[in-house]
Amino acid sequence: MEEDKLLSVEQLIYAYAKGVFPMADEGEIHWYSPDPRAIIPIDSYKPAQSLRSVINKHLFEIRIDTQFEAVMRFCAAPRSTDSETWISEEIIQAYTDMFQRGFAHSVEAYQDGKLVGGLYGVALGGAYFGESMFSLVPNSSKVTFHYLMVLLREQGYSLLDTQFMNDNVLRYGAIEISRKDYKSRLAKALKKTCTFKLPKNDY
């Protein structure tokens, strides 16, 4: 039976601009606007010394937006035998549509030409809404996150939203702010025009 698409690019853009985002639970889409909200300050980010040494070894080739859907599917894979993912097939298709329209982006790590780590999110104005990341080899997702931060800083982004606080985002310097503060920062960020591109000499 053919059904109308539940998630459209326009619906997602409107939601993100209002500070709301979707997650799937047992096939159903639910919408969230956390209070407090977790963000990672872009200007104050500094890689840990251990990560800096990994970066300096140039273990990974970093690419932007070359395998967006593949990144999403790796992120959607269960992290353990009994865990469920909030990234449903409907979400994958909707965000792939966003990517094709230029509103979603991925940062990817490769070894020997093989995708081994990455992250993806939504970009509107000067805001980047981080969604998920994956790692098939040690440190690959950490390196892609580092280059994401370099990109956001160099291109003038002012807001990196990470939605909920957890141990993973905490290690990258995440802080919590009120929903009211978040919406104020978001409104300012949306007025900016930024490009999701990393200068070649930073790869």
N, C-alpha and C. Protein backbone atom coordinates (compact mmCIF):
# COMPACT_ATOMS: atom_id res chain seq x y z
N MET A 1 0.84 -1.20 0.00
CA MET A 1 0.00 0.00 0.00
C MET A 1 0.87 1.24 0.00
N GLU A 2 0.62 2.14 -0.94
CA GLU A 2 1.42 3.36 -1.05
C GLU A 2 0.95 4.38 -0.02
N GLU A 3 1.87 4.92 0.77
CA GLU A 3 1.53 5.90 1.78
C GLU A 3 2.31 7.18 1.56
N ASP A 4 1.75 8.30 2.00
CA ASP A 4 2.47 9.55 1.93
C ASP A 4 3.71 9.47 2.80
N LYS A 5 4.76 10.09 2.34
CA LYS A 5 6.00 10.09 3.09
C LYS A 5 5.82 10.88 4.39
N LEU A 6 6.19 10.29 5.49
CA LEU A 6 5.98 10.93 6.79
C LEU A 6 6.99 12.03 7.05
N LEU A 7 8.21 11.86 6.55
CA LEU A 7 9.26 12.85 6.77
C LEU A 7 9.67 13.46 5.44
N SER A 8 9.48 14.74 5.29
CA SER A 8 9.91 15.43 4.08
C SER A 8 11.06 16.36 4.43
N VAL A 9 11.81 16.77 3.42
CA VAL A 9 12.90 17.71 3.62
C VAL A 9 12.37 19.01 4.22
N GLU A 10 11.27 19.48 3.71
CA GLU A 10 10.70 20.73 4.20
C GLU A 10 10.29 20.62 5.66
N GLN A 11 9.70 19.50 6.03
CA GLN A 11 9.28 19.28 7.42
C GLN A 11 10.49 19.25 8.34
N LEU A 12 11.55 18.59 7.91
CA LEU A 12 12.75 18.48 8.74
C LEU A 12 13.43 19.84 8.90
N ILE A 13 13.53 20.60 7.82
CA ILE A 13 14.15 21.92 7.91
C ILE A 13 13.37 22.81 8.87
N TYR A 14 12.04 22.78 8.76
CA TYR A 14 11.20 23.58 9.65
C TYR A 14 11.42 23.17 11.10
N ALA A 15 11.47 21.85 11.35
CA ALA A 15 11.64 21.36 12.71
C ALA A 15 12.99 21.77 13.30
N TYR A 16 14.06 21.57 12.54
CA TYR A 16 15.40 21.92 13.05
C TYR A 16 15.50 23.41 13.31
N ALA A 17 14.89 24.22 12.47
CA ALA A 17 14.93 25.66 12.66
C ALA A 17 14.19 26.09 13.93
N LYS A 18 13.31 25.22 14.42
CA LYS A 18 12.57 25.48 15.65
C LYS A 18 13.20 24.78 16.86
N GLY A 19 14.32 24.07 16.62
CA GLY A 19 14.98 23.37 17.72
C GLY A 19 14.43 22.00 18.01
N VAL A 20 13.73 21.41 17.05
CA VAL A 20 13.10 20.10 17.23
C VAL A 20 13.71 19.10 16.25
N PHE A 21 13.86 17.85 16.68
CA PHE A 21 14.42 16.83 15.81
C PHE A 21 13.71 15.49 16.04
N PRO A 22 13.73 14.60 15.03
CA PRO A 22 13.04 13.31 15.14
C PRO A 22 13.96 12.17 15.53
N MET A 23 13.38 11.17 16.16
CA MET A 23 14.05 9.89 16.40
C MET A 23 13.00 8.81 16.25
N ALA A 24 13.42 7.64 15.80
CA ALA A 24 12.48 6.54 15.61
C ALA A 24 12.53 5.59 16.81
N ASP A 25 11.37 5.11 17.20
CA ASP A 25 11.27 4.14 18.29
C ASP A 25 10.28 3.07 17.85
N GLU A 26 10.81 1.87 17.58
CA GLU A 26 9.99 0.76 17.10
C GLU A 26 9.18 1.16 15.86
N GLY A 27 9.85 1.88 14.98
CA GLY A 27 9.24 2.24 13.71
C GLY A 27 8.42 3.51 13.72
N GLU A 28 8.17 4.06 14.90
CA GLU A 28 7.38 5.29 14.99
C GLU A 28 8.31 6.49 15.19
N ILE A 29 7.97 7.59 14.53
CA ILE A 29 8.76 8.81 14.65
C ILE A 29 8.26 9.64 15.83
N HIS A 30 9.18 10.03 16.70
CA HIS A 30 8.87 10.91 17.82
C HIS A 30 9.74 12.15 17.69
N TRP A 31 9.22 13.28 18.17
CA TRP A 31 9.91 14.56 18.04
C TRP A 31 10.38 15.04 19.41
N TYR A 32 11.58 15.63 19.44
CA TYR A 32 12.19 16.02 20.71
C TYR A 32 12.73 17.45 20.66
N SER A 33 12.66 18.09 21.82
CA SER A 33 13.27 19.40 22.02
C SER A 33 13.75 19.44 23.46
N PRO A 34 14.92 18.85 23.74
CA PRO A 34 15.38 18.66 25.13
C PRO A 34 15.59 19.97 25.89
N ASP A 35 15.38 19.89 27.18
CA ASP A 35 15.68 21.00 28.08
C ASP A 35 16.22 20.39 29.38
N PRO A 36 17.52 20.50 29.63
CA PRO A 36 18.51 21.29 28.90
C PRO A 36 18.93 20.63 27.57
N ARG A 37 19.66 21.41 26.77
CA ARG A 37 20.14 20.96 25.47
C ARG A 37 21.65 20.86 25.52
N ALA A 38 22.21 19.84 24.88
CA ALA A 38 23.67 19.69 24.85
C ALA A 38 24.24 20.31 23.58
N ILE A 39 25.26 21.12 23.74
CA ILE A 39 25.99 21.69 22.60
C ILE A 39 27.48 21.54 22.86
N ILE A 40 28.28 21.65 21.82
CA ILE A 40 29.74 21.65 21.96
C ILE A 40 30.25 22.99 21.47
N PRO A 41 30.81 23.80 22.36
CA PRO A 41 31.35 25.11 21.94
C PRO A 41 32.42 24.93 20.87
N ILE A 42 32.26 25.61 19.77
CA ILE A 42 33.18 25.45 18.64
C ILE A 42 34.51 26.15 18.89
N ASP A 43 34.47 27.37 19.38
CA ASP A 43 35.69 28.18 19.52
C ASP A 43 36.63 27.64 20.58
N SER A 44 36.10 26.97 21.60
CA SER A 44 36.97 26.51 22.69
C SER A 44 37.43 25.06 22.52
N TYR A 45 37.01 24.41 21.44
CA TYR A 45 37.41 23.01 21.24
C TYR A 45 38.91 22.87 21.04
N LYS A 46 39.49 21.92 21.75
CA LYS A 46 40.90 21.55 21.56
C LYS A 46 41.01 20.04 21.64
N PRO A 47 41.68 19.39 20.67
CA PRO A 47 41.81 17.94 20.72
C PRO A 47 42.71 17.51 21.88
N ALA A 48 42.38 16.39 22.48
CA ALA A 48 43.22 15.84 23.53
C ALA A 48 44.60 15.52 22.96
N GLN A 49 45.60 15.54 23.81
CA GLN A 49 46.97 15.28 23.35
C GLN A 49 47.07 13.91 22.68
N SER A 50 46.37 12.92 23.23
CA SER A 50 46.41 11.58 22.64
C SER A 50 45.81 11.58 21.24
N LEU A 51 44.75 12.37 21.03
CA LEU A 51 44.15 12.45 19.70
C LEU A 51 45.04 13.23 18.75
N ARG A 52 45.68 14.26 19.25
CA ARG A 52 46.58 15.05 18.41
C ARG A 52 47.69 14.17 17.83
N SER A 53 48.21 13.24 18.64
CA SER A 53 49.27 12.36 18.14
C SER A 53 48.74 11.43 17.06
N VAL A 54 47.48 10.99 17.20
CA VAL A 54 46.86 10.15 16.17
C VAL A 54 46.70 10.95 14.87
N ILE A 55 46.22 12.18 14.99
CA ILE A 55 46.03 13.04 13.82
C ILE A 55 47.35 13.26 13.09
N ASN A 56 48.41 13.49 13.85
CA ASN A 56 49.71 13.76 13.25
C ASN A 56 50.29 12.56 12.50
N LYS A 57 49.80 11.37 12.79
CA LYS A 57 50.28 10.17 12.11
C LYS A 57 49.62 9.99 10.74
N HIS A 58 48.57 10.77 10.46
CA HIS A 58 47.86 10.71 9.17
C HIS A 58 47.43 9.29 8.82
N LEU A 59 46.78 8.65 9.78
CA LEU A 59 46.33 7.27 9.59
C LEU A 59 45.12 7.18 8.67
N PHE A 60 44.40 8.29 8.54
CA PHE A 60 43.16 8.26 7.79
C PHE A 60 43.14 9.33 6.70
N GLU A 61 42.48 8.98 5.60
CA GLU A 61 42.16 9.98 4.58
C GLU A 61 40.78 10.53 4.93
N ILE A 62 40.65 11.84 5.01
CA ILE A 62 39.39 12.47 5.38
C ILE A 62 38.69 12.98 4.12
N ARG A 63 37.43 12.64 3.99
CA ARG A 63 36.63 13.10 2.87
C ARG A 63 35.32 13.69 3.39
N ILE A 64 34.73 14.54 2.59
CA ILE A 64 33.46 15.18 2.93
C ILE A 64 32.40 14.76 1.92
N ASP A 65 31.25 14.27 2.40
CA ASP A 65 30.07 14.06 1.57
C ASP A 65 30.27 13.12 0.39
N THR A 66 31.06 12.07 0.55
CA THR A 66 31.23 11.15 -0.57
C THR A 66 30.40 9.87 -0.43
N GLN A 67 30.11 9.46 0.82
CA GLN A 67 29.28 8.27 1.03
C GLN A 67 28.29 8.53 2.17
N PHE A 68 27.47 9.54 1.99
CA PHE A 68 26.56 9.96 3.06
C PHE A 68 25.64 8.82 3.53
N GLU A 69 24.96 8.19 2.59
CA GLU A 69 24.03 7.13 2.99
C GLU A 69 24.75 5.97 3.67
N ALA A 70 25.94 5.62 3.19
CA ALA A 70 26.70 4.55 3.83
C ALA A 70 27.05 4.90 5.26
N VAL A 71 27.41 6.16 5.50
CA VAL A 71 27.70 6.61 6.86
C VAL A 71 26.46 6.42 7.73
N MET A 72 25.31 6.83 7.25
CA MET A 72 24.07 6.68 8.01
C MET A 72 23.80 5.21 8.33
N ARG A 73 24.01 4.34 7.37
CA ARG A 73 23.71 2.92 7.59
C ARG A 73 24.68 2.30 8.59
N PHE A 74 25.92 2.71 8.57
CA PHE A 74 26.85 2.24 9.60
C PHE A 74 26.42 2.76 10.97
N CYS A 75 25.98 4.01 11.03
CA CYS A 75 25.52 4.58 12.30
C CYS A 75 24.27 3.87 12.80
N ALA A 76 23.45 3.38 11.87
CA ALA A 76 22.20 2.73 12.24
C ALA A 76 22.40 1.29 12.71
N ALA A 77 23.56 0.71 12.42
CA ALA A 77 23.80 -0.67 12.82
C ALA A 77 23.78 -0.80 14.34
N PRO A 78 23.12 -1.83 14.88
CA PRO A 78 23.07 -2.02 16.33
C PRO A 78 24.47 -2.09 16.92
N ARG A 79 24.65 -1.46 18.08
CA ARG A 79 25.96 -1.45 18.74
C ARG A 79 26.19 -2.71 19.56
N SER A 80 25.13 -3.47 19.84
CA SER A 80 25.25 -4.75 20.53
C SER A 80 24.14 -5.67 20.03
N THR A 81 24.15 -6.91 20.45
CA THR A 81 23.21 -7.88 19.91
C THR A 81 21.76 -7.57 20.25
N ASP A 82 21.52 -6.86 21.34
CA ASP A 82 20.14 -6.61 21.74
C ASP A 82 19.74 -5.13 21.68
N SER A 83 20.61 -4.29 21.14
CA SER A 83 20.29 -2.87 21.10
C SER A 83 19.52 -2.52 19.84
N GLU A 84 18.62 -1.55 19.96
CA GLU A 84 17.86 -1.09 18.82
C GLU A 84 18.37 0.28 18.41
N THR A 85 18.15 0.62 17.16
CA THR A 85 18.62 1.90 16.65
C THR A 85 17.46 2.86 16.52
N TRP A 86 17.74 4.14 16.71
CA TRP A 86 16.72 5.18 16.49
C TRP A 86 16.75 5.68 15.06
N ILE A 87 17.70 5.13 14.26
CA ILE A 87 17.82 5.54 12.86
C ILE A 87 17.10 4.50 12.00
N SER A 88 15.84 4.76 11.74
CA SER A 88 15.03 3.83 10.97
C SER A 88 15.27 4.01 9.48
N GLU A 89 14.71 3.11 8.68
CA GLU A 89 14.82 3.22 7.23
C GLU A 89 14.19 4.51 6.74
N GLU A 90 13.08 4.90 7.36
CA GLU A 90 12.43 6.16 6.98
C GLU A 90 13.34 7.35 7.24
N ILE A 91 14.03 7.33 8.36
CA ILE A 91 14.96 8.42 8.67
C ILE A 91 16.13 8.42 7.70
N ILE A 92 16.65 7.25 7.37
CA ILE A 92 17.76 7.18 6.41
C ILE A 92 17.35 7.79 5.08
N GLN A 93 16.17 7.44 4.60
CA GLN A 93 15.72 7.96 3.31
C GLN A 93 15.48 9.48 3.37
N ALA A 94 14.90 9.94 4.48
CA ALA A 94 14.61 11.37 4.61
C ALA A 94 15.88 12.20 4.67
N TYR A 95 16.88 11.73 5.44
CA TYR A 95 18.11 12.49 5.57
C TYR A 95 18.97 12.38 4.32
N THR A 96 18.85 11.27 3.60
CA THR A 96 19.53 11.17 2.32
C THR A 96 18.95 12.18 1.34
N ASP A 97 17.64 12.38 1.40
CA ASP A 97 17.00 13.42 0.60
C ASP A 97 17.55 14.80 0.99
N MET A 98 17.71 15.01 2.30
CA MET A 98 18.28 16.29 2.76
C MET A 98 19.69 16.48 2.23
N PHE A 99 20.47 15.40 2.25
CA PHE A 99 21.83 15.45 1.73
C PHE A 99 21.84 15.83 0.25
N GLN A 100 20.95 15.21 -0.52
CA GLN A 100 20.88 15.50 -1.95
C GLN A 100 20.44 16.93 -2.23
N ARG A 101 19.76 17.54 -1.27
CA ARG A 101 19.33 18.93 -1.38
C ARG A 101 20.34 19.90 -0.76
N GLY A 102 21.42 19.36 -0.17
CA GLY A 102 22.47 20.21 0.37
C GLY A 102 22.30 20.63 1.82
N PHE A 103 21.37 19.97 2.55
CA PHE A 103 21.12 20.35 3.94
C PHE A 103 21.69 19.36 4.96
N ALA A 104 22.27 18.26 4.51
CA ALA A 104 22.88 17.29 5.41
C ALA A 104 24.26 16.95 4.88
N HIS A 105 25.17 16.65 5.79
CA HIS A 105 26.57 16.44 5.39
C HIS A 105 27.23 15.36 6.25
N SER A 106 28.24 14.74 5.68
CA SER A 106 29.01 13.73 6.40
C SER A 106 30.50 14.04 6.32
N VAL A 107 31.21 13.63 7.36
CA VAL A 107 32.68 13.66 7.38
C VAL A 107 33.11 12.21 7.53
N GLU A 108 34.02 11.77 6.67
CA GLU A 108 34.33 10.35 6.57
C GLU A 108 35.83 10.08 6.69
N ALA A 109 36.16 8.95 7.30
CA ALA A 109 37.56 8.52 7.43
C ALA A 109 37.75 7.23 6.62
N TYR A 110 38.85 7.19 5.86
CA TYR A 110 39.15 6.04 5.01
C TYR A 110 40.54 5.50 5.30
N GLN A 111 40.67 4.18 5.16
CA GLN A 111 41.97 3.52 5.17
C GLN A 111 42.01 2.59 3.96
N ASP A 112 43.04 2.74 3.15
CA ASP A 112 43.18 1.93 1.95
C ASP A 112 41.93 2.00 1.08
N GLY A 113 41.33 3.18 1.03
CA GLY A 113 40.15 3.39 0.20
C GLY A 113 38.85 2.88 0.79
N LYS A 114 38.89 2.33 2.01
CA LYS A 114 37.70 1.76 2.64
C LYS A 114 37.17 2.69 3.72
N LEU A 115 35.87 2.89 3.73
CA LEU A 115 35.23 3.72 4.75
C LEU A 115 35.30 3.01 6.10
N VAL A 116 35.96 3.64 7.08
CA VAL A 116 36.15 2.99 8.38
C VAL A 116 35.62 3.81 9.56
N GLY A 117 35.11 4.99 9.29
CA GLY A 117 34.56 5.81 10.37
C GLY A 117 33.94 7.06 9.80
N GLY A 118 33.05 7.65 10.57
CA GLY A 118 32.44 8.87 10.07
C GLY A 118 31.33 9.39 10.95
N LEU A 119 30.78 10.50 10.55
CA LEU A 119 29.66 11.12 11.26
C LEU A 119 28.80 11.87 10.25
N TYR A 120 27.57 12.17 10.66
CA TYR A 120 26.70 12.95 9.78
C TYR A 120 25.83 13.86 10.61
N GLY A 121 25.27 14.87 9.94
CA GLY A 121 24.39 15.80 10.61
C GLY A 121 23.73 16.73 9.61
N VAL A 122 23.00 17.67 10.14
CA VAL A 122 22.25 18.64 9.35
C VAL A 122 22.89 20.01 9.49
N ALA A 123 22.98 20.75 8.40
CA ALA A 123 23.56 22.09 8.42
C ALA A 123 22.55 23.10 7.90
N LEU A 124 22.25 24.08 8.74
CA LEU A 124 21.37 25.18 8.35
C LEU A 124 22.02 26.49 8.79
N GLY A 125 22.27 27.38 7.85
CA GLY A 125 22.92 28.64 8.21
C GLY A 125 24.25 28.39 8.87
N GLY A 126 24.44 28.94 10.07
CA GLY A 126 25.66 28.74 10.83
C GLY A 126 25.52 27.72 11.94
N ALA A 127 24.53 26.83 11.80
CA ALA A 127 24.31 25.78 12.80
C ALA A 127 24.54 24.41 12.18
N TYR A 128 25.20 23.54 12.92
CA TYR A 128 25.37 22.14 12.51
C TYR A 128 24.79 21.28 13.62
N PHE A 129 23.85 20.41 13.23
CA PHE A 129 23.17 19.55 14.18
C PHE A 129 23.75 18.14 14.05
N GLY A 130 24.64 17.78 14.97
CA GLY A 130 25.27 16.48 14.90
C GLY A 130 24.29 15.37 15.23
N GLU A 131 24.25 14.34 14.40
CA GLU A 131 23.28 13.27 14.59
C GLU A 131 23.91 11.99 15.16
N SER A 132 24.91 11.45 14.48
CA SER A 132 25.48 10.19 14.94
C SER A 132 26.85 9.98 14.32
N MET A 133 27.62 9.07 14.88
CA MET A 133 28.92 8.72 14.33
C MET A 133 29.17 7.23 14.50
N PHE A 134 30.11 6.70 13.74
CA PHE A 134 30.47 5.29 13.86
C PHE A 134 31.97 5.13 13.68
N SER A 135 32.47 4.00 14.14
CA SER A 135 33.90 3.72 14.04
C SER A 135 34.10 2.22 13.84
N LEU A 136 34.79 1.85 12.76
CA LEU A 136 35.11 0.44 12.51
C LEU A 136 36.53 0.11 12.95
N VAL A 137 37.37 1.13 13.08
CA VAL A 137 38.73 0.95 13.59
C VAL A 137 38.98 2.02 14.64
N PRO A 138 39.89 1.76 15.58
CA PRO A 138 40.12 2.71 16.67
C PRO A 138 40.44 4.12 16.17
N ASN A 139 39.82 5.09 16.82
CA ASN A 139 40.09 6.53 16.62
C ASN A 139 39.53 7.12 15.35
N SER A 140 38.92 6.33 14.48
CA SER A 140 38.45 6.89 13.20
C SER A 140 37.35 7.92 13.40
N SER A 141 36.39 7.65 14.28
CA SER A 141 35.32 8.63 14.48
C SER A 141 35.85 9.86 15.22
N LYS A 142 36.81 9.67 16.11
CA LYS A 142 37.39 10.82 16.82
C LYS A 142 38.10 11.75 15.85
N VAL A 143 38.77 11.19 14.86
CA VAL A 143 39.48 12.01 13.89
C VAL A 143 38.47 12.76 13.00
N THR A 144 37.38 12.09 12.60
CA THR A 144 36.39 12.79 11.79
C THR A 144 35.76 13.92 12.60
N PHE A 145 35.55 13.70 13.89
CA PHE A 145 34.99 14.77 14.71
C PHE A 145 35.95 15.95 14.78
N HIS A 146 37.24 15.67 14.91
CA HIS A 146 38.22 16.75 14.95
C HIS A 146 38.14 17.59 13.68
N TYR A 147 38.06 16.93 12.52
CA TYR A 147 38.02 17.68 11.27
C TYR A 147 36.68 18.39 11.10
N LEU A 148 35.63 17.83 11.67
CA LEU A 148 34.37 18.57 11.69
C LEU A 148 34.54 19.88 12.44
N MET A 149 35.18 19.84 13.59
CA MET A 149 35.37 21.05 14.38
C MET A 149 36.25 22.06 13.65
N VAL A 150 37.29 21.57 12.97
CA VAL A 150 38.14 22.46 12.17
C VAL A 150 37.30 23.15 11.09
N LEU A 151 36.47 22.36 10.41
CA LEU A 151 35.63 22.89 9.35
C LEU A 151 34.66 23.94 9.90
N LEU A 152 33.97 23.61 10.98
CA LEU A 152 32.98 24.52 11.54
C LEU A 152 33.63 25.84 11.96
N ARG A 153 34.79 25.74 12.55
CA ARG A 153 35.48 26.95 13.01
C ARG A 153 35.94 27.80 11.83
N GLU A 154 36.55 27.16 10.85
CA GLU A 154 37.10 27.92 9.72
C GLU A 154 36.02 28.52 8.83
N GLN A 155 34.87 27.87 8.77
CA GLN A 155 33.80 28.37 7.91
C GLN A 155 32.83 29.30 8.64
N GLY A 156 33.08 29.56 9.91
CA GLY A 156 32.28 30.55 10.63
C GLY A 156 31.00 30.06 11.25
N TYR A 157 30.84 28.74 11.41
CA TYR A 157 29.67 28.22 12.12
C TYR A 157 29.73 28.66 13.58
N SER A 158 28.57 28.87 14.18
CA SER A 158 28.54 29.35 15.56
C SER A 158 27.84 28.41 16.53
N LEU A 159 27.19 27.35 16.01
CA LEU A 159 26.46 26.43 16.89
C LEU A 159 26.64 25.00 16.45
N LEU A 160 27.08 24.15 17.37
CA LEU A 160 27.14 22.70 17.15
C LEU A 160 26.22 22.04 18.17
N ASP A 161 25.10 21.58 17.70
CA ASP A 161 24.09 20.95 18.55
C ASP A 161 24.35 19.45 18.65
N THR A 162 24.39 18.93 19.87
CA THR A 162 24.54 17.48 20.05
C THR A 162 23.36 16.88 20.80
N GLN A 163 22.29 17.66 20.94
CA GLN A 163 21.00 17.18 21.42
C GLN A 163 21.01 16.79 22.89
N PHE A 164 21.40 15.55 23.21
CA PHE A 164 21.39 15.07 24.58
C PHE A 164 22.82 14.93 25.12
N MET A 165 22.99 15.15 26.40
CA MET A 165 24.29 14.92 27.02
C MET A 165 24.49 13.43 27.26
N ASN A 166 25.67 12.93 26.91
CA ASN A 166 26.06 11.56 27.23
C ASN A 166 27.58 11.50 27.31
N ASP A 167 28.11 10.35 27.68
CA ASP A 167 29.56 10.24 27.87
C ASP A 167 30.33 10.50 26.58
N ASN A 168 29.72 10.14 25.44
CA ASN A 168 30.42 10.30 24.17
C ASN A 168 30.64 11.77 23.83
N VAL A 169 29.59 12.59 23.94
CA VAL A 169 29.75 14.01 23.61
C VAL A 169 30.47 14.76 24.73
N LEU A 170 30.37 14.25 25.95
CA LEU A 170 31.05 14.90 27.07
C LEU A 170 32.56 14.90 26.86
N ARG A 171 33.07 13.82 26.28
CA ARG A 171 34.52 13.73 26.05
C ARG A 171 35.02 14.77 25.05
N TYR A 172 34.09 15.30 24.23
CA TYR A 172 34.46 16.32 23.26
C TYR A 172 34.21 17.73 23.77
N GLY A 173 33.85 17.84 25.03
CA GLY A 173 33.66 19.17 25.62
C GLY A 173 32.24 19.68 25.61
N ALA A 174 31.25 18.79 25.50
CA ALA A 174 29.86 19.21 25.48
C ALA A 174 29.45 19.87 26.80
N ILE A 175 28.56 20.84 26.70
CA ILE A 175 27.98 21.49 27.87
C ILE A 175 26.47 21.50 27.70
N GLU A 176 25.75 21.75 28.78
CA GLU A 176 24.31 21.85 28.72
C GLU A 176 23.86 23.29 28.90
N ILE A 177 22.89 23.70 28.10
CA ILE A 177 22.31 25.02 28.23
C ILE A 177 20.79 24.87 28.23
N SER A 178 20.11 25.89 28.67
CA SER A 178 18.65 25.82 28.72
C SER A 178 18.06 25.86 27.31
N ARG A 179 16.84 25.38 27.18
CA ARG A 179 16.17 25.44 25.88
C ARG A 179 16.04 26.88 25.40
N LYS A 180 15.76 27.79 26.32
CA LYS A 180 15.62 29.20 25.97
C LYS A 180 16.93 29.75 25.41
N ASP A 181 18.05 29.43 26.06
CA ASP A 181 19.36 29.87 25.59
C ASP A 181 19.67 29.24 24.24
N TYR A 182 19.36 27.96 24.11
CA TYR A 182 19.61 27.26 22.86
C TYR A 182 18.86 27.92 21.70
N LYS A 183 17.59 28.21 21.91
CA LYS A 183 16.80 28.80 20.84
C LYS A 183 17.32 30.18 20.47
N SER A 184 17.83 30.92 21.44
CA SER A 184 18.42 32.23 21.16
C SER A 184 19.67 32.07 20.30
N ARG A 185 20.53 31.13 20.66
CA ARG A 185 21.74 30.89 19.87
C ARG A 185 21.40 30.36 18.48
N LEU A 186 20.39 29.52 18.41
CA LEU A 186 19.97 28.96 17.13
C LEU A 186 19.47 30.06 16.20
N ALA A 187 18.65 30.95 16.72
CA ALA A 187 18.11 32.04 15.90
C ALA A 187 19.23 32.88 15.30
N LYS A 188 20.26 33.14 16.09
CA LYS A 188 21.39 33.92 15.59
C LYS A 188 22.18 33.13 14.54
N ALA A 189 22.37 31.85 14.80
CA ALA A 189 23.14 31.01 13.87
C ALA A 189 22.44 30.88 12.53
N LEU A 190 21.12 30.80 12.54
CA LEU A 190 20.37 30.61 11.30
C LEU A 190 20.46 31.81 10.37
N LYS A 191 20.84 32.95 10.91
CA LYS A 191 20.96 34.16 10.09
C LYS A 191 22.28 34.19 9.30
N LYS A 192 23.19 33.27 9.62
CA LYS A 192 24.49 33.25 8.96
C LYS A 192 24.45 32.42 7.68
N THR A 193 25.42 32.64 6.83
CA THR A 193 25.59 31.83 5.62
C THR A 193 26.97 31.18 5.67
N CYS A 194 26.99 29.87 5.78
CA CYS A 194 28.26 29.14 5.91
C CYS A 194 28.34 28.03 4.88
N THR A 195 29.55 27.66 4.55
CA THR A 195 29.80 26.60 3.57
C THR A 195 30.38 25.38 4.27
N PHE A 196 29.84 24.20 3.94
CA PHE A 196 30.36 22.97 4.55
C PHE A 196 31.48 22.41 3.68
N LYS A 197 32.66 22.97 3.87
CA LYS A 197 33.81 22.58 3.07
C LYS A 197 35.08 22.79 3.86
N LEU A 198 35.97 21.80 3.80
CA LEU A 198 37.24 21.90 4.49
C LEU A 198 38.34 22.21 3.49
N PRO A 199 39.14 23.27 3.73
CA PRO A 199 40.24 23.59 2.82
C PRO A 199 41.15 22.38 2.61
N LYS A 200 41.64 22.21 1.40
CA LYS A 200 42.42 21.03 1.07
C LYS A 200 43.64 20.86 1.94
N ASN A 201 44.25 21.96 2.37
CA ASN A 201 45.47 21.81 3.16
C ASN A 201 45.18 21.36 4.58
N ASP A 202 43.89 21.18 4.92
CA ASP A 202 43.54 20.69 6.26
C ASP A 202 43.15 19.23 6.25
N TYR A 203 43.20 18.57 5.10
CA TYR A 203 42.85 17.15 5.04
C TYR A 203 44.01 16.31 5.54
